[in-house]
Amino acid sequence: MSGTSGLAGPRDARVRDKRPRWLRVAYLLPVALFVVVAIAFGWGLTRDPSVIPSVLVGKPVPKFSLPPVQGRTLGLSSADLTGEVSLVNVFASWCTACRAEHPILMRLKDEGVVPVHGLNYKDRPEDAARWLDTLGDPYTRTGADRDGRVAIDWGVYGVPETFVIDRDGRIAYKHIGAITPEALRKKILPLIEALRRGDKNSVGGAGGETAAAGRKPHG
Protein backbone atom coordinates (compact mmCIF):
# COMPACT_ATOMS: atom_id res chain seq x y z
CA MET A 1 0.00 0.00 0.00
CA SER A 2 2.73 2.39 0.90
CA GLY A 3 4.64 1.64 -2.34
CA THR A 4 1.58 2.27 -4.46
CA SER A 5 0.86 5.52 -2.69
CA GLY A 6 4.44 6.62 -3.21
CA LEU A 7 4.34 6.06 -6.98
CA ALA A 8 0.95 7.70 -7.50
CA GLY A 9 1.46 10.61 -5.12
CA PRO A 10 3.47 13.05 -7.31
CA ARG A 11 1.21 12.52 -10.32
CA ASP A 12 -1.94 13.02 -8.23
CA ALA A 13 -0.40 16.12 -6.72
CA ARG A 14 0.23 17.59 -10.16
CA VAL A 15 -3.35 16.84 -11.20
CA ARG A 16 -4.64 18.41 -8.00
CA ASP A 17 -2.47 21.49 -8.63
CA LYS A 18 -3.84 22.00 -12.13
CA ARG A 19 -7.48 21.24 -11.56
CA PRO A 20 -8.11 23.90 -8.88
CA ARG A 21 -6.56 26.64 -11.07
CA TRP A 22 -9.10 25.96 -13.83
CA LEU A 23 -11.87 25.79 -11.29
CA ARG A 24 -10.79 29.01 -9.62
CA VAL A 25 -10.82 30.87 -12.94
CA ALA A 26 -14.21 29.42 -13.82
CA TYR A 27 -15.72 30.39 -10.49
CA LEU A 28 -13.98 33.70 -9.90
CA LEU A 29 -14.70 35.27 -13.30
CA PRO A 30 -18.46 35.64 -12.80
CA VAL A 31 -17.84 36.73 -9.21
CA ALA A 32 -15.43 39.42 -10.40
CA LEU A 33 -17.91 40.59 -13.03
CA PHE A 34 -20.64 40.75 -10.40
CA VAL A 35 -18.43 42.87 -8.13
CA VAL A 36 -17.65 45.29 -10.97
CA VAL A 37 -21.31 45.62 -11.87
CA ALA A 38 -22.28 46.09 -8.22
CA ILE A 39 -19.68 48.83 -7.75
CA ALA A 40 -20.83 50.60 -10.91
CA PHE A 41 -24.45 50.31 -9.83
CA GLY A 42 -23.68 51.62 -6.37
CA TRP A 43 -21.76 54.56 -7.84
CA GLY A 44 -24.68 55.30 -10.12
CA LEU A 45 -27.03 55.45 -7.15
CA THR A 46 -24.93 58.23 -5.66
CA ARG A 47 -25.33 60.37 -8.79
CA ASP A 48 -28.37 62.32 -9.92
CA PRO A 49 -29.91 60.20 -12.71
CA SER A 50 -31.39 63.35 -14.27
CA VAL A 51 -27.97 64.83 -15.01
CA ILE A 52 -25.99 63.93 -18.10
CA PRO A 53 -22.83 65.78 -19.19
CA SER A 54 -22.69 67.51 -22.57
CA VAL A 55 -19.32 68.26 -24.11
CA LEU A 56 -20.83 70.75 -26.58
CA VAL A 57 -22.15 73.20 -24.00
CA GLY A 58 -20.29 76.48 -24.42
CA LYS A 59 -19.16 75.63 -27.95
CA PRO A 60 -20.44 76.84 -31.34
CA VAL A 61 -23.23 74.81 -32.88
CA PRO A 62 -21.96 72.23 -35.38
CA LYS A 63 -21.95 73.28 -39.02
CA PHE A 64 -24.98 71.96 -40.87
CA SER A 65 -27.67 72.80 -43.40
CA LEU A 66 -30.98 70.97 -43.71
CA PRO A 67 -34.05 71.32 -45.91
CA PRO A 68 -37.37 72.12 -44.23
CA VAL A 69 -39.91 69.58 -43.09
CA GLN A 70 -42.39 68.78 -45.83
CA GLY A 71 -44.90 71.60 -46.30
CA ARG A 72 -42.62 74.22 -44.71
CA THR A 73 -40.59 76.80 -46.59
CA LEU A 74 -37.73 77.69 -44.22
CA GLY A 75 -34.97 75.14 -43.69
CA LEU A 76 -32.49 75.19 -40.83
CA SER A 77 -28.73 75.70 -40.82
CA SER A 78 -26.02 76.76 -38.42
CA ALA A 79 -26.05 80.20 -40.06
CA ASP A 80 -29.65 80.69 -38.88
CA LEU A 81 -28.65 80.33 -35.24
CA THR A 82 -26.79 83.59 -34.74
CA GLY A 83 -27.95 87.11 -33.97
CA GLU A 84 -30.56 86.20 -31.34
CA VAL A 85 -31.14 83.83 -28.47
CA SER A 86 -33.15 80.82 -29.64
CA LEU A 87 -34.09 77.23 -28.92
CA VAL A 88 -33.43 74.19 -31.09
CA ASN A 89 -35.86 71.38 -30.31
CA VAL A 90 -35.13 67.84 -31.53
CA PHE A 91 -38.41 66.07 -32.22
CA ALA A 92 -40.04 63.24 -34.15
CA SER A 93 -43.61 62.24 -34.92
CA TRP A 94 -42.98 58.78 -33.44
CA CYS A 95 -41.78 60.22 -30.12
CA THR A 96 -44.36 60.00 -27.32
CA ALA A 97 -42.51 62.43 -25.05
CA CYS A 98 -42.46 64.99 -27.87
CA ARG A 99 -46.25 65.03 -27.80
CA ALA A 100 -46.17 65.71 -24.05
CA GLU A 101 -43.99 68.82 -24.40
CA HIS A 102 -45.65 70.14 -27.58
CA PRO A 103 -48.18 72.41 -25.80
CA ILE A 104 -45.29 74.15 -24.05
CA LEU A 105 -43.57 74.81 -27.36
CA MET A 106 -46.83 76.14 -28.81
CA ARG A 107 -47.18 78.49 -25.85
CA LEU A 108 -43.65 79.81 -26.37
CA LYS A 109 -44.58 80.61 -29.95
CA ASP A 110 -48.00 82.09 -29.21
CA GLU A 111 -46.60 84.35 -26.49
CA GLY A 112 -43.55 85.32 -28.57
CA VAL A 113 -41.19 84.27 -25.78
CA VAL A 114 -38.31 82.99 -27.91
CA PRO A 115 -37.80 81.66 -31.46
CA VAL A 116 -37.98 77.87 -31.47
CA HIS A 117 -36.43 75.91 -34.34
CA GLY A 118 -37.22 72.27 -34.94
CA LEU A 119 -34.73 69.54 -35.80
CA ASN A 120 -36.84 66.65 -37.09
CA TYR A 121 -35.03 63.41 -36.31
CA LYS A 122 -35.27 60.28 -38.50
CA ASP A 123 -38.84 60.90 -39.56
CA ARG A 124 -40.77 60.13 -42.70
CA PRO A 125 -41.60 63.41 -44.47
CA GLU A 126 -45.34 62.77 -44.54
CA ASP A 127 -45.41 61.79 -40.86
CA ALA A 128 -43.53 64.90 -39.77
CA ALA A 129 -45.81 67.11 -41.86
CA ARG A 130 -48.93 65.45 -40.46
CA TRP A 131 -47.61 65.85 -36.93
CA LEU A 132 -47.17 69.61 -37.31
CA ASP A 133 -50.39 70.08 -39.26
CA THR A 134 -52.36 68.22 -36.57
CA LEU A 135 -50.78 69.46 -33.34
CA GLY A 136 -49.66 72.88 -34.55
CA ASP A 137 -46.32 74.15 -35.74
CA PRO A 138 -44.36 75.95 -33.00
CA TYR A 139 -41.20 76.31 -35.09
CA THR A 140 -39.78 79.35 -36.82
CA ARG A 141 -37.60 77.09 -38.95
CA THR A 142 -37.40 73.33 -39.33
CA GLY A 143 -34.67 71.00 -40.51
CA ALA A 144 -35.42 67.49 -41.75
CA ASP A 145 -32.60 65.31 -40.44
CA ARG A 146 -33.82 62.14 -42.10
CA ASP A 147 -30.64 60.07 -41.63
CA GLY A 148 -29.83 61.46 -38.17
CA ARG A 149 -26.33 62.62 -39.09
CA VAL A 150 -26.83 66.20 -37.90
CA ALA A 151 -28.25 64.97 -34.59
CA ILE A 152 -25.12 62.88 -34.09
CA ASP A 153 -22.96 65.97 -34.62
CA TRP A 154 -25.04 67.76 -32.00
CA GLY A 155 -24.43 64.95 -29.52
CA VAL A 156 -28.11 64.04 -29.34
CA TYR A 157 -28.80 61.10 -27.00
CA GLY A 158 -32.43 60.67 -27.99
CA VAL A 159 -35.64 62.60 -28.51
CA PRO A 160 -36.84 65.01 -27.42
CA GLU A 161 -33.92 67.27 -26.62
CA THR A 162 -33.80 71.05 -26.51
CA PHE A 163 -30.78 73.31 -26.86
CA VAL A 164 -30.57 76.93 -25.74
CA ILE A 165 -28.47 78.87 -28.26
CA ASP A 166 -26.95 82.27 -27.50
CA ARG A 167 -26.81 85.11 -29.99
CA ASP A 168 -23.26 84.12 -30.99
CA GLY A 169 -24.44 80.69 -32.09
CA ARG A 170 -23.05 78.82 -29.10
CA ILE A 171 -24.83 76.09 -27.16
CA ALA A 172 -25.57 77.53 -23.74
CA TYR A 173 -27.62 74.68 -22.30
CA LYS A 174 -28.99 71.29 -23.25
CA HIS A 175 -32.17 69.79 -21.85
CA ILE A 176 -32.69 66.08 -22.47
CA GLY A 177 -36.27 64.83 -22.47
CA ALA A 178 -39.59 66.61 -22.58
CA ILE A 179 -39.56 70.20 -21.37
CA THR A 180 -41.62 70.46 -18.19
CA PRO A 181 -43.21 73.61 -16.79
CA GLU A 182 -40.75 73.41 -13.90
CA ALA A 183 -37.70 73.13 -16.16
CA LEU A 184 -39.00 76.01 -18.25
CA ARG A 185 -39.61 78.22 -15.24
CA LYS A 186 -36.52 77.41 -13.20
CA LYS A 187 -33.83 77.02 -15.83
CA ILE A 188 -34.69 77.72 -19.45
CA LEU A 189 -36.52 81.04 -19.20
CA PRO A 190 -34.07 82.58 -16.68
CA LEU A 191 -31.19 81.48 -18.90
CA ILE A 192 -32.80 83.06 -21.98
CA GLU A 193 -33.17 86.35 -20.13
CA ALA A 194 -29.59 86.23 -18.86
CA LEU A 195 -28.25 85.58 -22.35
CA ARG A 196 -30.27 88.45 -23.74
CA ARG A 197 -28.67 90.70 -21.14
CA GLY A 198 -25.31 89.56 -22.42
CA ASP A 199 -24.37 87.51 -19.36
CA LYS A 200 -21.54 85.36 -20.75
CA ASN A 201 -21.28 83.45 -17.50
CA SER A 202 -24.62 81.86 -18.32
CA VAL A 203 -23.11 79.84 -21.16
CA GLY A 204 -22.45 76.34 -19.94
CA GLY A 205 -24.92 76.75 -17.09
CA ALA A 206 -25.28 73.97 -14.52
CA GLY A 207 -21.62 73.15 -15.00
CA GLY A 208 -22.15 72.10 -18.58
CA GLU A 209 -24.62 69.43 -17.51
CA THR A 210 -28.08 68.66 -18.78
CA ALA A 211 -31.40 67.64 -17.33
CA ALA A 212 -32.87 64.36 -18.55
CA ALA A 213 -36.57 63.60 -18.31
CA GLY A 214 -38.56 61.02 -20.19
CA ARG A 215 -36.33 60.86 -23.26
CA LYS A 216 -36.68 58.22 -25.95
CA PRO A 217 -33.35 56.70 -27.05
CA HIS A 218 -32.25 56.63 -30.65
CA GLY A 219 -34.06 54.05 -32.67
C-alpha atoms as a PDB file:
ATOM      1  CA  MET A   1       0.000   0.000   0.000  1.00  0.00           C
ATOM      2  CA  SER A   2       2.730   2.390   0.897  1.00  0.00           C
ATOM      3  CA  GLY A   3       4.636   1.642  -2.337  1.00  0.00           C
ATOM      4  CA  THR A   4       1.581   2.268  -4.459  1.00  0.00           C
ATOM      5  CA  SER A   5       0.856   5.519  -2.695  1.00  0.00           C
ATOM      6  CA  GLY A   6       4.440   6.616  -3.213  1.00  0.00           C
ATOM      7  CA  LEU A   7       4.341   6.061  -6.981  1.00  0.00           C
ATOM      8  CA  ALA A   8       0.953   7.698  -7.499  1.00  0.00           C
ATOM      9  CA  GLY A   9       1.458  10.608  -5.121  1.00  0.00           C
ATOM     10  CA  PRO A  10       3.466  13.045  -7.310  1.00  0.00           C
ATOM     11  CA  ARG A  11       1.207  12.524 -10.323  1.00  0.00           C
ATOM     12  CA  ASP A  12      -1.938  13.018  -8.234  1.00  0.00           C
ATOM     13  CA  ALA A  13      -0.398  16.117  -6.719  1.00  0.00           C
ATOM     14  CA  ARG A  14       0.233  17.594 -10.159  1.00  0.00           C
ATOM     15  CA  VAL A  15      -3.352  16.838 -11.198  1.00  0.00           C
ATOM     16  CA  ARG A  16      -4.638  18.412  -8.003  1.00  0.00           C
ATOM     17  CA  ASP A  17      -2.472  21.491  -8.627  1.00  0.00           C
ATOM     18  CA  LYS A  18      -3.838  22.004 -12.128  1.00  0.00           C
ATOM     19  CA  ARG A  19      -7.477  21.243 -11.563  1.00  0.00           C
ATOM     20  CA  PRO A  20      -8.112  23.900  -8.881  1.00  0.00           C
ATOM     21  CA  ARG A  21      -6.563  26.642 -11.074  1.00  0.00           C
ATOM     22  CA  TRP A  22      -9.104  25.965 -13.826  1.00  0.00           C
ATOM     23  CA  LEU A  23     -11.873  25.788 -11.290  1.00  0.00           C
ATOM     24  CA  ARG A  24     -10.793  29.009  -9.618  1.00  0.00           C
ATOM     25  CA  VAL A  25     -10.819  30.871 -12.939  1.00  0.00           C
ATOM     26  CA  ALA A  26     -14.212  29.421 -13.820  1.00  0.00           C
ATOM     27  CA  TYR A  27     -15.717  30.394 -10.489  1.00  0.00           C
ATOM     28  CA  LEU A  28     -13.978  33.702  -9.899  1.00  0.00           C
ATOM     29  CA  LEU A  29     -14.698  35.267 -13.304  1.00  0.00           C
ATOM     30  CA  PRO A  30     -18.465  35.637 -12.798  1.00  0.00           C
ATOM     31  CA  VAL A  31     -17.836  36.732  -9.211  1.00  0.00           C
ATOM     32  CA  ALA A  32     -15.432  39.419 -10.400  1.00  0.00           C
ATOM     33  CA  LEU A  33     -17.915  40.589 -13.029  1.00  0.00           C
ATOM     34  CA  PHE A  34     -20.639  40.752 -10.397  1.00  0.00           C
ATOM     35  CA  VAL A  35     -18.432  42.866  -8.133  1.00  0.00           C
ATOM     36  CA  VAL A  36     -17.647  45.293 -10.974  1.00  0.00           C
ATOM     37  CA  VAL A  37     -21.314  45.622 -11.869  1.00  0.00           C
ATOM     38  CA  ALA A  38     -22.277  46.088  -8.223  1.00  0.00           C
ATOM     39  CA  ILE A  39     -19.683  48.826  -7.748  1.00  0.00           C
ATOM     40  CA  ALA A  40     -20.825  50.598 -10.909  1.00  0.00           C
ATOM     41  CA  PHE A  41     -24.455  50.313  -9.832  1.00  0.00           C
ATOM     42  CA  GLY A  42     -23.678  51.621  -6.372  1.00  0.00           C
ATOM     43  CA  TRP A  43     -21.756  54.560  -7.838  1.00  0.00           C
ATOM     44  CA  GLY A  44     -24.677  55.297 -10.122  1.00  0.00           C
ATOM     45  CA  LEU A  45     -27.028  55.452  -7.150  1.00  0.00           C
ATOM     46  CA  THR A  46     -24.932  58.233  -5.662  1.00  0.00           C
ATOM     47  CA  ARG A  47     -25.331  60.372  -8.787  1.00  0.00           C
ATOM     48  CA  ASP A  48     -28.367  62.317  -9.923  1.00  0.00           C
ATOM     49  CA  PRO A  49     -29.914  60.202 -12.712  1.00  0.00           C
ATOM     50  CA  SER A  50     -31.392  63.347 -14.268  1.00  0.00           C
ATOM     51  CA  VAL A  51     -27.974  64.833 -15.008  1.00  0.00           C
ATOM     52  CA  ILE A  52     -25.991  63.925 -18.096  1.00  0.00           C
ATOM     53  CA  PRO A  53     -22.832  65.778 -19.190  1.00  0.00           C
ATOM     54  CA  SER A  54     -22.693  67.509 -22.568  1.00  0.00           C
ATOM     55  CA  VAL A  55     -19.315  68.264 -24.114  1.00  0.00           C
ATOM     56  CA  LEU A  56     -20.835  70.749 -26.579  1.00  0.00           C
ATOM     57  CA  VAL A  57     -22.151  73.205 -24.004  1.00  0.00           C
ATOM     58  CA  GLY A  58     -20.291  76.478 -24.419  1.00  0.00           C
ATOM     59  CA  LYS A  59     -19.159  75.629 -27.952  1.00  0.00           C
ATOM     60  CA  PRO A  60     -20.440  76.839 -31.342  1.00  0.00           C
ATOM     61  CA  VAL A  61     -23.235  74.806 -32.876  1.00  0.00           C
ATOM     62  CA  PRO A  62     -21.964  72.226 -35.381  1.00  0.00           C
ATOM     63  CA  LYS A  63     -21.946  73.282 -39.018  1.00  0.00           C
ATOM     64  CA  PHE A  64     -24.985  71.955 -40.868  1.00  0.00           C
ATOM     65  CA  SER A  65     -27.667  72.799 -43.396  1.00  0.00           C
ATOM     66  CA  LEU A  66     -30.979  70.974 -43.708  1.00  0.00           C
ATOM     67  CA  PRO A  67     -34.054  71.322 -45.905  1.00  0.00           C
ATOM     68  CA  PRO A  68     -37.366  72.115 -44.227  1.00  0.00           C
ATOM     69  CA  VAL A  69     -39.906  69.581 -43.089  1.00  0.00           C
ATOM     70  CA  GLN A  70     -42.389  68.775 -45.832  1.00  0.00           C
ATOM     71  CA  GLY A  71     -44.902  71.602 -46.298  1.00  0.00           C
ATOM     72  CA  ARG A  72     -42.623  74.220 -44.707  1.00  0.00           C
ATOM     73  CA  THR A  73     -40.588  76.803 -46.594  1.00  0.00           C
ATOM     74  CA  LEU A  74     -37.731  77.686 -44.217  1.00  0.00           C
ATOM     75  CA  GLY A  75     -34.972  75.137 -43.693  1.00  0.00           C
ATOM     76  CA  LEU A  76     -32.493  75.193 -40.833  1.00  0.00           C
ATOM     77  CA  SER A  77     -28.732  75.704 -40.823  1.00  0.00           C
ATOM     78  CA  SER A  78     -26.024  76.761 -38.417  1.00  0.00           C
ATOM     79  CA  ALA A  79     -26.046  80.200 -40.062  1.00  0.00           C
ATOM     80  CA  ASP A  80     -29.647  80.688 -38.878  1.00  0.00           C
ATOM     81  CA  LEU A  81     -28.649  80.331 -35.240  1.00  0.00           C
ATOM     82  CA  THR A  82     -26.786  83.590 -34.745  1.00  0.00           C
ATOM     83  CA  GLY A  83     -27.953  87.109 -33.969  1.00  0.00           C
ATOM     84  CA  GLU A  84     -30.563  86.203 -31.342  1.00  0.00           C
ATOM     85  CA  VAL A  85     -31.144  83.825 -28.470  1.00  0.00           C
ATOM     86  CA  SER A  86     -33.152  80.823 -29.640  1.00  0.00           C
ATOM     87  CA  LEU A  87     -34.092  77.230 -28.920  1.00  0.00           C
ATOM     88  CA  VAL A  88     -33.432  74.186 -31.087  1.00  0.00           C
ATOM     89  CA  ASN A  89     -35.857  71.376 -30.309  1.00  0.00           C
ATOM     90  CA  VAL A  90     -35.126  67.839 -31.526  1.00  0.00           C
ATOM     91  CA  PHE A  91     -38.415  66.071 -32.224  1.00  0.00           C
ATOM     92  CA  ALA A  92     -40.040  63.235 -34.149  1.00  0.00           C
ATOM     93  CA  SER A  93     -43.613  62.242 -34.915  1.00  0.00           C
ATOM     94  CA  TRP A  94     -42.979  58.781 -33.437  1.00  0.00           C
ATOM     95  CA  CYS A  95     -41.782  60.217 -30.124  1.00  0.00           C
ATOM     96  CA  THR A  96     -44.357  59.996 -27.317  1.00  0.00           C
ATOM     97  CA  ALA A  97     -42.512  62.428 -25.047  1.00  0.00           C
ATOM     98  CA  CYS A  98     -42.459  64.988 -27.869  1.00  0.00           C
ATOM     99  CA  ARG A  99     -46.253  65.030 -27.802  1.00  0.00           C
ATOM    100  CA  ALA A 100     -46.170  65.706 -24.051  1.00  0.00           C
ATOM    101  CA  GLU A 101     -43.991  68.820 -24.404  1.00  0.00           C
ATOM    102  CA  HIS A 102     -45.651  70.137 -27.581  1.00  0.00           C
ATOM    103  CA  PRO A 103     -48.176  72.407 -25.797  1.00  0.00           C
ATOM    104  CA  ILE A 104     -45.288  74.155 -24.046  1.00  0.00           C
ATOM    105  CA  LEU A 105     -43.571  74.815 -27.364  1.00  0.00           C
ATOM    106  CA  MET A 106     -46.827  76.136 -28.808  1.00  0.00           C
ATOM    107  CA  ARG A 107     -47.182  78.491 -25.848  1.00  0.00           C
ATOM    108  CA  LEU A 108     -43.654  79.810 -26.370  1.00  0.00           C
ATOM    109  CA  LYS A 109     -44.584  80.607 -29.950  1.00  0.00           C
ATOM    110  CA  ASP A 110     -47.997  82.094 -29.211  1.00  0.00           C
ATOM    111  CA  GLU A 111     -46.595  84.355 -26.491  1.00  0.00           C
ATOM    112  CA  GLY A 112     -43.555  85.317 -28.566  1.00  0.00           C
ATOM    113  CA  VAL A 113     -41.188  84.272 -25.780  1.00  0.00           C
ATOM    114  CA  VAL A 114     -38.312  82.993 -27.909  1.00  0.00           C
ATOM    115  CA  PRO A 115     -37.804  81.665 -31.458  1.00  0.00           C
ATOM    116  CA  VAL A 116     -37.983  77.875 -31.474  1.00  0.00           C
ATOM    117  CA  HIS A 117     -36.432  75.910 -34.339  1.00  0.00           C
ATOM    118  CA  GLY A 118     -37.220  72.268 -34.940  1.00  0.00           C
ATOM    119  CA  LEU A 119     -34.732  69.542 -35.799  1.00  0.00           C
ATOM    120  CA  ASN A 120     -36.840  66.649 -37.088  1.00  0.00           C
ATOM    121  CA  TYR A 121     -35.031  63.413 -36.312  1.00  0.00           C
ATOM    122  CA  LYS A 122     -35.268  60.285 -38.500  1.00  0.00           C
ATOM    123  CA  ASP A 123     -38.840  60.900 -39.561  1.00  0.00           C
ATOM    124  CA  ARG A 124     -40.773  60.125 -42.701  1.00  0.00           C
ATOM    125  CA  PRO A 125     -41.600  63.414 -44.471  1.00  0.00           C
ATOM    126  CA  GLU A 126     -45.336  62.769 -44.541  1.00  0.00           C
ATOM    127  CA  ASP A 127     -45.408  61.785 -40.859  1.00  0.00           C
ATOM    128  CA  ALA A 128     -43.533  64.896 -39.766  1.00  0.00           C
ATOM    129  CA  ALA A 129     -45.806  67.105 -41.863  1.00  0.00           C
ATOM    130  CA  ARG A 130     -48.932  65.449 -40.461  1.00  0.00           C
ATOM    131  CA  TRP A 131     -47.611  65.851 -36.925  1.00  0.00           C
ATOM    132  CA  LEU A 132     -47.172  69.611 -37.309  1.00  0.00           C
ATOM    133  CA  ASP A 133     -50.395  70.076 -39.256  1.00  0.00           C
ATOM    134  CA  THR A 134     -52.362  68.223 -36.571  1.00  0.00           C
ATOM    135  CA  LEU A 135     -50.779  69.464 -33.339  1.00  0.00           C
ATOM    136  CA  GLY A 136     -49.665  72.881 -34.554  1.00  0.00           C
ATOM    137  CA  ASP A 137     -46.315  74.155 -35.743  1.00  0.00           C
ATOM    138  CA  PRO A 138     -44.355  75.955 -33.004  1.00  0.00           C
ATOM    139  CA  TYR A 139     -41.197  76.313 -35.090  1.00  0.00           C
ATOM    140  CA  THR A 140     -39.780  79.353 -36.817  1.00  0.00           C
ATOM    141  CA  ARG A 141     -37.602  77.086 -38.949  1.00  0.00           C
ATOM    142  CA  THR A 142     -37.404  73.333 -39.331  1.00  0.00           C
ATOM    143  CA  GLY A 143     -34.665  71.003 -40.514  1.00  0.00           C
ATOM    144  CA  ALA A 144     -35.418  67.494 -41.750  1.00  0.00           C
ATOM    145  CA  ASP A 145     -32.598  65.305 -40.437  1.00  0.00           C
ATOM    146  CA  ARG A 146     -33.815  62.137 -42.104  1.00  0.00           C
ATOM    147  CA  ASP A 147     -30.639  60.072 -41.630  1.00  0.00           C
ATOM    148  CA  GLY A 148     -29.833  61.458 -38.175  1.00  0.00           C
ATOM    149  CA  ARG A 149     -26.332  62.618 -39.086  1.00  0.00           C
ATOM    150  CA  VAL A 150     -26.828  66.195 -37.900  1.00  0.00           C
ATOM    151  CA  ALA A 151     -28.248  64.968 -34.592  1.00  0.00           C
ATOM    152  CA  ILE A 152     -25.122  62.878 -34.090  1.00  0.00           C
ATOM    153  CA  ASP A 153     -22.959  65.974 -34.623  1.00  0.00           C
ATOM    154  CA  TRP A 154     -25.043  67.758 -31.996  1.00  0.00           C
ATOM    155  CA  GLY A 155     -24.435  64.949 -29.519  1.00  0.00           C
ATOM    156  CA  VAL A 156     -28.107  64.039 -29.335  1.00  0.00           C
ATOM    157  CA  TYR A 157     -28.799  61.105 -27.002  1.00  0.00           C
ATOM    158  CA  GLY A 158     -32.429  60.666 -27.995  1.00  0.00           C
ATOM    159  CA  VAL A 159     -35.639  62.598 -28.510  1.00  0.00           C
ATOM    160  CA  PRO A 160     -36.836  65.005 -27.422  1.00  0.00           C
ATOM    161  CA  GLU A 161     -33.923  67.270 -26.621  1.00  0.00           C
ATOM    162  CA  THR A 162     -33.801  71.054 -26.514  1.00  0.00           C
ATOM    163  CA  PHE A 163     -30.775  73.314 -26.865  1.00  0.00           C
ATOM    164  CA  VAL A 164     -30.569  76.934 -25.740  1.00  0.00           C
ATOM    165  CA  ILE A 165     -28.465  78.868 -28.261  1.00  0.00           C
ATOM    166  CA  ASP A 166     -26.952  82.270 -27.501  1.00  0.00           C
ATOM    167  CA  ARG A 167     -26.807  85.108 -29.988  1.00  0.00           C
ATOM    168  CA  ASP A 168     -23.262  84.123 -30.986  1.00  0.00           C
ATOM    169  CA  GLY A 169     -24.444  80.694 -32.086  1.00  0.00           C
ATOM    170  CA  ARG A 170     -23.050  78.819 -29.099  1.00  0.00           C
ATOM    171  CA  ILE A 171     -24.830  76.094 -27.165  1.00  0.00           C
ATOM    172  CA  ALA A 172     -25.566  77.530 -23.741  1.00  0.00           C
ATOM    173  CA  TYR A 173     -27.617  74.682 -22.302  1.00  0.00           C
ATOM    174  CA  LYS A 174     -28.995  71.287 -23.254  1.00  0.00           C
ATOM    175  CA  HIS A 175     -32.172  69.787 -21.848  1.00  0.00           C
ATOM    176  CA  ILE A 176     -32.695  66.084 -22.469  1.00  0.00           C
ATOM    177  CA  GLY A 177     -36.266  64.829 -22.466  1.00  0.00           C
ATOM    178  CA  ALA A 178     -39.589  66.613 -22.579  1.00  0.00           C
ATOM    179  CA  ILE A 179     -39.556  70.203 -21.370  1.00  0.00           C
ATOM    180  CA  THR A 180     -41.620  70.459 -18.195  1.00  0.00           C
ATOM    181  CA  PRO A 181     -43.212  73.608 -16.794  1.00  0.00           C
ATOM    182  CA  GLU A 182     -40.753  73.409 -13.902  1.00  0.00           C
ATOM    183  CA  ALA A 183     -37.699  73.135 -16.161  1.00  0.00           C
ATOM    184  CA  LEU A 184     -38.995  76.007 -18.255  1.00  0.00           C
ATOM    185  CA  ARG A 185     -39.612  78.223 -15.236  1.00  0.00           C
ATOM    186  CA  LYS A 186     -36.523  77.414 -13.197  1.00  0.00           C
ATOM    187  CA  LYS A 187     -33.825  77.020 -15.830  1.00  0.00           C
ATOM    188  CA  ILE A 188     -34.690  77.721 -19.455  1.00  0.00           C
ATOM    189  CA  LEU A 189     -36.515  81.042 -19.204  1.00  0.00           C
ATOM    190  CA  PRO A 190     -34.073  82.584 -16.683  1.00  0.00           C
ATOM    191  CA  LEU A 191     -31.194  81.485 -18.901  1.00  0.00           C
ATOM    192  CA  ILE A 192     -32.799  83.059 -21.980  1.00  0.00           C
ATOM    193  CA  GLU A 193     -33.170  86.353 -20.128  1.00  0.00           C
ATOM    194  CA  ALA A 194     -29.586  86.229 -18.858  1.00  0.00           C
ATOM    195  CA  LEU A 195     -28.249  85.578 -22.353  1.00  0.00           C
ATOM    196  CA  ARG A 196     -30.273  88.447 -23.742  1.00  0.00           C
ATOM    197  CA  ARG A 197     -28.668  90.700 -21.143  1.00  0.00           C
ATOM    198  CA  GLY A 198     -25.312  89.561 -22.417  1.00  0.00           C
ATOM    199  CA  ASP A 199     -24.371  87.510 -19.362  1.00  0.00           C
ATOM    200  CA  LYS A 200     -21.538  85.364 -20.752  1.00  0.00           C
ATOM    201  CA  ASN A 201     -21.283  83.448 -17.501  1.00  0.00           C
ATOM    202  CA  SER A 202     -24.621  81.858 -18.315  1.00  0.00           C
ATOM    203  CA  VAL A 203     -23.110  79.837 -21.161  1.00  0.00           C
ATOM    204  CA  GLY A 204     -22.446  76.338 -19.940  1.00  0.00           C
ATOM    205  CA  GLY A 205     -24.916  76.751 -17.094  1.00  0.00           C
ATOM    206  CA  ALA A 206     -25.279  73.974 -14.521  1.00  0.00           C
ATOM    207  CA  GLY A 207     -21.624  73.148 -15.002  1.00  0.00           C
ATOM    208  CA  GLY A 208     -22.147  72.101 -18.584  1.00  0.00           C
ATOM    209  CA  GLU A 209     -24.620  69.431 -17.512  1.00  0.00           C
ATOM    210  CA  THR A 210     -28.082  68.664 -18.781  1.00  0.00           C
ATOM    211  CA  ALA A 211     -31.401  67.638 -17.325  1.00  0.00           C
ATOM    212  CA  ALA A 212     -32.868  64.364 -18.549  1.00  0.00           C
ATOM    213  CA  ALA A 213     -36.569  63.596 -18.308  1.00  0.00           C
ATOM    214  CA  GLY A 214     -38.561  61.023 -20.193  1.00  0.00           C
ATOM    215  CA  ARG A 215     -36.330  60.858 -23.258  1.00  0.00           C
ATOM    216  CA  LYS A 216     -36.683  58.225 -25.949  1.00  0.00           C
ATOM    217  CA  PRO A 217     -33.347  56.697 -27.046  1.00  0.00           C
ATOM    218  CA  HIS A 218     -32.251  56.634 -30.648  1.00  0.00           C
ATOM    219  CA  GLY A 219     -34.061  54.055 -32.675  1.00  0.00           C
END
